[in-house]
């Protein structure tokens, strides 16, 4: 199976959700077993905010383009293309101060509650 960042970004924002009534800035592109891969571009919706809540699975972020800050728990990191970040299941996190072109792959994996 193949996932294309450019094709996914062209289809964002996606359908509205409770957290993103103006359209979801993410899309699942691959899934199998406990793993799923999304593209996330918070600047693709009209609201332009990252309204994530903690997830039940561990996550890996692979920044593809743009710049941002990522807040993971009480730590803040600069994020740029080529950077990778781990977020444990249940930990509050969000992207802030992102450029309009910011996009990242998100890999969710493992059992609920994390490994």
N, C-alpha and C. Protein backbone atom coordinates (compact mmCIF):
# COMPACT_ATOMS: atom_id res chain seq x y z
N UNK A 1 0.84 -1.18 0.00
CA UNK A 1 0.00 0.00 0.00
C UNK A 1 0.89 1.25 0.00
N UNK A 2 0.44 2.30 -0.65
CA UNK A 2 1.22 3.52 -0.76
C UNK A 2 0.44 4.70 -0.18
N UNK A 3 1.16 5.59 0.49
CA UNK A 3 0.57 6.82 1.00
C UNK A 3 1.34 7.99 0.41
N UNK A 4 0.64 8.96 -0.15
CA UNK A 4 1.27 10.13 -0.74
C UNK A 4 0.91 11.37 0.06
N UNK A 5 1.92 12.07 0.56
CA UNK A 5 1.70 13.29 1.32
C UNK A 5 0.98 14.33 0.46
N UNK A 6 1.43 14.52 -0.76
CA UNK A 6 0.84 15.56 -1.62
C UNK A 6 -0.62 15.27 -1.94
N UNK A 7 -0.95 14.02 -2.23
CA UNK A 7 -2.35 13.66 -2.51
C UNK A 7 -3.22 13.88 -1.28
N UNK A 8 -2.73 13.50 -0.11
CA UNK A 8 -3.50 13.67 1.12
C UNK A 8 -3.72 15.14 1.43
N UNK A 9 -2.68 15.95 1.31
CA UNK A 9 -2.81 17.38 1.61
C UNK A 9 -3.82 18.05 0.68
N UNK A 10 -3.91 17.58 -0.55
CA UNK A 10 -4.88 18.15 -1.49
C UNK A 10 -6.32 17.87 -1.07
N UNK A 11 -6.51 16.85 -0.22
CA UNK A 11 -7.87 16.49 0.23
C UNK A 11 -8.20 17.03 1.61
N UNK A 12 -7.30 17.81 2.19
CA UNK A 12 -7.55 18.40 3.51
C UNK A 12 -8.04 19.83 3.36
N UNK A 13 -8.88 20.33 4.23
CA UNK A 13 -9.41 19.62 5.39
C UNK A 13 -10.41 18.55 5.00
N UNK A 14 -10.52 17.57 5.88
CA UNK A 14 -11.45 16.47 5.67
C UNK A 14 -12.82 16.78 6.24
N UNK A 15 -13.57 15.74 6.46
CA UNK A 15 -14.94 15.88 6.99
C UNK A 15 -14.90 16.51 8.38
N UNK A 16 -15.94 17.25 8.73
CA UNK A 16 -16.00 17.85 10.06
C UNK A 16 -16.05 16.78 11.16
N UNK A 17 -15.49 17.14 12.32
CA UNK A 17 -15.56 16.30 13.51
C UNK A 17 -16.02 17.19 14.66
N UNK A 18 -16.25 16.59 15.82
CA UNK A 18 -16.66 17.38 16.99
C UNK A 18 -15.58 18.41 17.35
N UNK A 19 -14.32 18.01 17.32
CA UNK A 19 -13.22 18.93 17.65
C UNK A 19 -12.93 19.92 16.54
N UNK A 20 -13.20 19.53 15.30
CA UNK A 20 -12.92 20.37 14.13
C UNK A 20 -14.17 20.51 13.26
N UNK A 21 -15.16 21.30 13.70
CA UNK A 21 -16.39 21.43 12.92
C UNK A 21 -16.18 22.07 11.55
N UNK A 22 -15.05 22.77 11.36
CA UNK A 22 -14.76 23.40 10.07
C UNK A 22 -14.05 22.43 9.11
N UNK A 23 -13.73 21.23 9.58
CA UNK A 23 -13.07 20.22 8.75
C UNK A 23 -11.81 19.72 9.43
N UNK A 24 -11.63 18.43 9.43
CA UNK A 24 -10.49 17.81 10.12
C UNK A 24 -9.18 18.05 9.36
N UNK A 25 -8.12 18.45 10.07
CA UNK A 25 -6.84 18.69 9.42
C UNK A 25 -5.96 17.44 9.37
N UNK A 26 -6.58 16.27 9.39
CA UNK A 26 -5.83 15.02 9.36
C UNK A 26 -6.60 13.99 8.54
N UNK A 27 -5.87 12.97 8.09
CA UNK A 27 -6.48 11.91 7.30
C UNK A 27 -5.68 10.64 7.50
N UNK A 28 -6.36 9.53 7.76
CA UNK A 28 -5.70 8.23 7.86
C UNK A 28 -5.45 7.71 6.46
N UNK A 29 -4.19 7.30 6.20
CA UNK A 29 -3.81 6.84 4.88
C UNK A 29 -3.47 5.36 4.84
N UNK A 30 -2.96 4.83 5.94
CA UNK A 30 -2.60 3.41 6.01
C UNK A 30 -3.02 2.88 7.36
N UNK A 31 -3.41 1.61 7.41
CA UNK A 31 -3.75 0.99 8.68
C UNK A 31 -3.58 -0.52 8.56
N UNK A 32 -3.13 -1.13 9.65
CA UNK A 32 -3.01 -2.58 9.71
C UNK A 32 -2.66 -2.99 11.13
N UNK A 33 -3.36 -3.98 11.66
CA UNK A 33 -3.14 -4.38 13.04
C UNK A 33 -3.40 -3.21 13.96
N UNK A 34 -2.47 -2.95 14.88
CA UNK A 34 -2.64 -1.84 15.82
C UNK A 34 -2.09 -0.52 15.27
N UNK A 35 -1.50 -0.54 14.06
CA UNK A 35 -0.83 0.63 13.50
C UNK A 35 -1.72 1.36 12.51
N UNK A 36 -1.66 2.69 12.59
CA UNK A 36 -2.27 3.52 11.55
C UNK A 36 -1.35 4.70 11.28
N UNK A 37 -1.39 5.20 10.05
CA UNK A 37 -0.57 6.33 9.63
C UNK A 37 -1.50 7.42 9.11
N UNK A 38 -1.31 8.62 9.66
CA UNK A 38 -2.08 9.78 9.24
C UNK A 38 -1.14 10.86 8.74
N UNK A 39 -1.70 11.75 7.95
CA UNK A 39 -1.03 13.01 7.68
C UNK A 39 -1.80 14.06 8.48
N UNK A 40 -1.08 14.98 9.09
CA UNK A 40 -1.68 16.01 9.94
C UNK A 40 -1.13 17.36 9.51
N UNK A 41 -2.04 18.27 9.15
CA UNK A 41 -1.66 19.62 8.71
C UNK A 41 -2.61 20.61 9.38
N UNK A 42 -2.30 21.05 10.60
CA UNK A 42 -3.25 21.88 11.35
C UNK A 42 -3.59 23.20 10.66
N UNK A 43 -2.75 23.69 9.78
CA UNK A 43 -3.05 24.93 9.07
C UNK A 43 -4.01 24.75 7.91
N UNK A 44 -4.45 23.51 7.64
CA UNK A 44 -5.33 23.26 6.49
C UNK A 44 -6.78 23.58 6.77
N UNK A 45 -7.15 23.80 8.01
CA UNK A 45 -8.55 24.12 8.31
C UNK A 45 -8.69 25.60 8.59
N UNK A 46 -9.92 26.07 8.55
CA UNK A 46 -10.18 27.50 8.72
C UNK A 46 -9.82 27.98 10.12
N UNK A 47 -9.95 27.11 11.12
CA UNK A 47 -9.67 27.48 12.49
C UNK A 47 -8.17 27.68 12.69
N UNK A 48 -7.36 26.84 12.06
CA UNK A 48 -5.92 26.98 12.13
C UNK A 48 -5.30 26.71 13.48
N UNK A 49 -5.98 25.91 14.32
CA UNK A 49 -5.43 25.56 15.63
C UNK A 49 -5.32 24.05 15.74
N UNK A 50 -4.36 23.61 16.52
CA UNK A 50 -4.21 22.19 16.84
C UNK A 50 -5.01 21.92 18.11
N UNK A 51 -6.08 21.20 17.97
CA UNK A 51 -6.98 20.94 19.10
C UNK A 51 -6.91 19.49 19.55
N UNK A 52 -5.75 18.87 19.38
CA UNK A 52 -5.60 17.48 19.78
C UNK A 52 -5.86 17.29 21.27
N UNK A 53 -6.34 16.12 21.59
CA UNK A 53 -6.43 15.67 22.96
C UNK A 53 -5.55 14.42 23.06
N UNK A 54 -5.14 14.02 24.26
CA UNK A 54 -4.29 12.84 24.38
C UNK A 54 -4.91 11.62 23.70
N UNK A 55 -4.05 10.82 23.08
CA UNK A 55 -4.50 9.63 22.36
C UNK A 55 -4.26 8.39 23.21
N UNK A 56 -4.95 7.32 22.89
CA UNK A 56 -4.84 6.10 23.66
C UNK A 56 -3.63 5.25 23.28
N UNK A 57 -3.03 5.53 22.11
CA UNK A 57 -1.88 4.77 21.65
C UNK A 57 -0.62 5.64 21.65
N UNK A 58 0.55 5.00 21.66
CA UNK A 58 1.80 5.71 21.46
C UNK A 58 1.81 6.29 20.05
N UNK A 59 2.57 7.39 19.87
CA UNK A 59 2.62 8.07 18.58
C UNK A 59 4.05 8.45 18.21
N UNK A 60 4.32 8.41 16.93
CA UNK A 60 5.54 8.96 16.36
C UNK A 60 5.14 10.03 15.36
N UNK A 61 5.79 11.19 15.43
CA UNK A 61 5.58 12.26 14.46
C UNK A 61 6.84 12.39 13.63
N UNK A 62 6.69 12.45 12.30
CA UNK A 62 7.80 12.68 11.38
C UNK A 62 7.45 13.93 10.59
N UNK A 63 8.09 15.04 10.92
CA UNK A 63 7.76 16.32 10.30
C UNK A 63 8.25 16.31 8.86
N UNK A 64 7.35 16.65 7.94
CA UNK A 64 7.65 16.62 6.51
C UNK A 64 7.96 17.98 5.92
N UNK A 65 7.27 19.01 6.40
CA UNK A 65 7.52 20.34 5.85
C UNK A 65 7.05 21.40 6.84
N UNK A 66 7.58 22.60 6.68
CA UNK A 66 7.20 23.71 7.53
C UNK A 66 7.93 23.71 8.86
N UNK A 67 7.53 24.66 9.71
CA UNK A 67 8.12 24.84 11.04
C UNK A 67 7.01 24.91 12.07
N UNK A 68 7.32 24.54 13.29
CA UNK A 68 6.36 24.59 14.38
C UNK A 68 7.10 24.45 15.70
N UNK A 69 6.38 24.65 16.78
CA UNK A 69 6.78 24.21 18.10
C UNK A 69 5.87 23.03 18.42
N UNK A 70 6.41 22.02 19.09
CA UNK A 70 5.57 20.94 19.60
C UNK A 70 5.71 20.95 21.11
N UNK A 71 4.57 20.94 21.78
CA UNK A 71 4.53 20.88 23.23
C UNK A 71 4.12 19.46 23.60
N UNK A 72 4.97 18.77 24.36
CA UNK A 72 4.71 17.40 24.80
C UNK A 72 4.78 17.42 26.32
N UNK A 73 3.64 17.25 26.96
CA UNK A 73 3.59 17.39 28.42
C UNK A 73 3.98 18.81 28.78
N UNK A 74 5.03 18.98 29.59
CA UNK A 74 5.48 20.31 29.97
C UNK A 74 6.77 20.73 29.26
N UNK A 75 7.10 20.02 28.16
CA UNK A 75 8.30 20.36 27.39
C UNK A 75 7.92 20.94 26.02
N UNK A 76 8.72 21.89 25.56
CA UNK A 76 8.52 22.52 24.25
C UNK A 76 9.77 22.28 23.40
N UNK A 77 9.53 21.90 22.12
CA UNK A 77 10.63 21.65 21.18
C UNK A 77 10.33 22.37 19.88
N UNK A 78 11.38 22.86 19.22
CA UNK A 78 11.25 23.37 17.85
C UNK A 78 11.12 22.16 16.94
N UNK A 79 10.25 22.28 15.94
CA UNK A 79 10.02 21.18 14.99
C UNK A 79 10.19 21.69 13.57
N UNK A 80 10.97 20.95 12.77
CA UNK A 80 11.20 21.31 11.37
C UNK A 80 11.27 20.04 10.54
N UNK A 81 11.19 20.19 9.23
CA UNK A 81 11.25 19.04 8.33
C UNK A 81 12.47 18.18 8.67
N UNK A 82 12.23 16.87 8.78
CA UNK A 82 13.28 15.93 9.12
C UNK A 82 13.32 15.54 10.59
N UNK A 83 12.60 16.26 11.44
CA UNK A 83 12.57 15.95 12.87
C UNK A 83 11.55 14.85 13.16
N UNK A 84 11.82 14.08 14.22
CA UNK A 84 10.92 13.03 14.68
C UNK A 84 10.69 13.21 16.17
N UNK A 85 9.46 12.91 16.62
CA UNK A 85 9.10 13.05 18.02
C UNK A 85 8.27 11.85 18.46
N UNK A 86 8.47 11.43 19.71
CA UNK A 86 7.68 10.37 20.32
C UNK A 86 6.75 10.99 21.35
N UNK A 87 5.48 10.57 21.33
CA UNK A 87 4.51 10.99 22.34
C UNK A 87 3.88 9.72 22.90
N UNK A 88 4.06 9.50 24.19
CA UNK A 88 3.50 8.32 24.85
C UNK A 88 1.98 8.44 24.94
N UNK A 89 1.32 7.30 24.92
CA UNK A 89 -0.14 7.26 25.06
C UNK A 89 -0.56 8.05 26.30
N UNK A 90 -1.63 8.84 26.15
CA UNK A 90 -2.20 9.57 27.27
C UNK A 90 -1.53 10.89 27.61
N UNK A 91 -0.44 11.25 26.92
CA UNK A 91 0.27 12.50 27.23
C UNK A 91 -0.30 13.65 26.39
N UNK A 92 -0.61 14.75 27.05
CA UNK A 92 -1.11 15.93 26.34
C UNK A 92 -0.01 16.47 25.43
N UNK A 93 -0.40 16.88 24.21
CA UNK A 93 0.57 17.42 23.26
C UNK A 93 -0.17 18.24 22.21
N UNK A 94 0.56 19.15 21.56
CA UNK A 94 -0.03 19.98 20.51
C UNK A 94 1.08 20.69 19.76
N UNK A 95 0.76 21.11 18.55
CA UNK A 95 1.67 21.95 17.77
C UNK A 95 1.21 23.38 17.91
N UNK A 96 2.16 24.30 18.05
CA UNK A 96 1.87 25.73 18.16
C UNK A 96 2.80 26.49 17.23
N UNK A 97 2.39 27.70 16.88
CA UNK A 97 3.22 28.60 16.07
C UNK A 97 3.67 27.95 14.77
N UNK A 98 2.81 27.16 14.16
CA UNK A 98 3.19 26.46 12.93
C UNK A 98 3.00 27.35 11.71
N UNK A 99 3.87 27.16 10.74
CA UNK A 99 3.76 27.87 9.47
C UNK A 99 2.57 27.28 8.70
N UNK A 100 1.98 28.05 7.78
CA UNK A 100 0.80 27.56 7.05
C UNK A 100 1.04 26.26 6.29
N UNK A 101 2.29 26.00 5.90
CA UNK A 101 2.60 24.80 5.13
C UNK A 101 3.00 23.60 5.99
N UNK A 102 2.94 23.75 7.31
CA UNK A 102 3.38 22.67 8.21
C UNK A 102 2.58 21.39 7.99
N UNK A 103 3.29 20.27 7.86
CA UNK A 103 2.65 18.95 7.71
C UNK A 103 3.55 17.89 8.32
N UNK A 104 2.94 16.92 8.95
CA UNK A 104 3.67 15.84 9.59
C UNK A 104 2.95 14.51 9.40
N UNK A 105 3.73 13.43 9.27
CA UNK A 105 3.18 12.09 9.35
C UNK A 105 3.00 11.76 10.83
N UNK A 106 1.94 11.04 11.16
CA UNK A 106 1.71 10.56 12.52
C UNK A 106 1.51 9.06 12.44
N UNK A 107 2.28 8.32 13.22
CA UNK A 107 2.14 6.87 13.28
C UNK A 107 1.62 6.52 14.67
N UNK A 108 0.44 5.93 14.73
CA UNK A 108 -0.14 5.43 15.97
C UNK A 108 0.14 3.94 16.00
N UNK A 109 0.53 3.41 17.17
CA UNK A 109 0.83 1.98 17.23
C UNK A 109 0.69 1.46 18.66
N UNK A 110 0.57 0.15 18.74
CA UNK A 110 0.57 -0.52 20.04
C UNK A 110 -0.80 -0.57 20.69
N UNK A 111 -0.84 -1.18 21.86
CA UNK A 111 -2.10 -1.36 22.56
C UNK A 111 -2.58 -0.07 23.21
N UNK A 112 -3.87 0.05 23.50
CA UNK A 112 -4.35 1.19 24.27
C UNK A 112 -3.57 1.28 25.58
N UNK A 113 -3.19 2.49 25.95
CA UNK A 113 -2.39 2.70 27.14
C UNK A 113 -0.90 2.71 26.87
N UNK A 114 -0.49 2.35 25.66
CA UNK A 114 0.92 2.38 25.28
C UNK A 114 1.65 1.09 25.59
N UNK A 115 2.86 1.03 25.10
CA UNK A 115 3.69 -0.17 25.31
C UNK A 115 4.51 -0.05 26.59
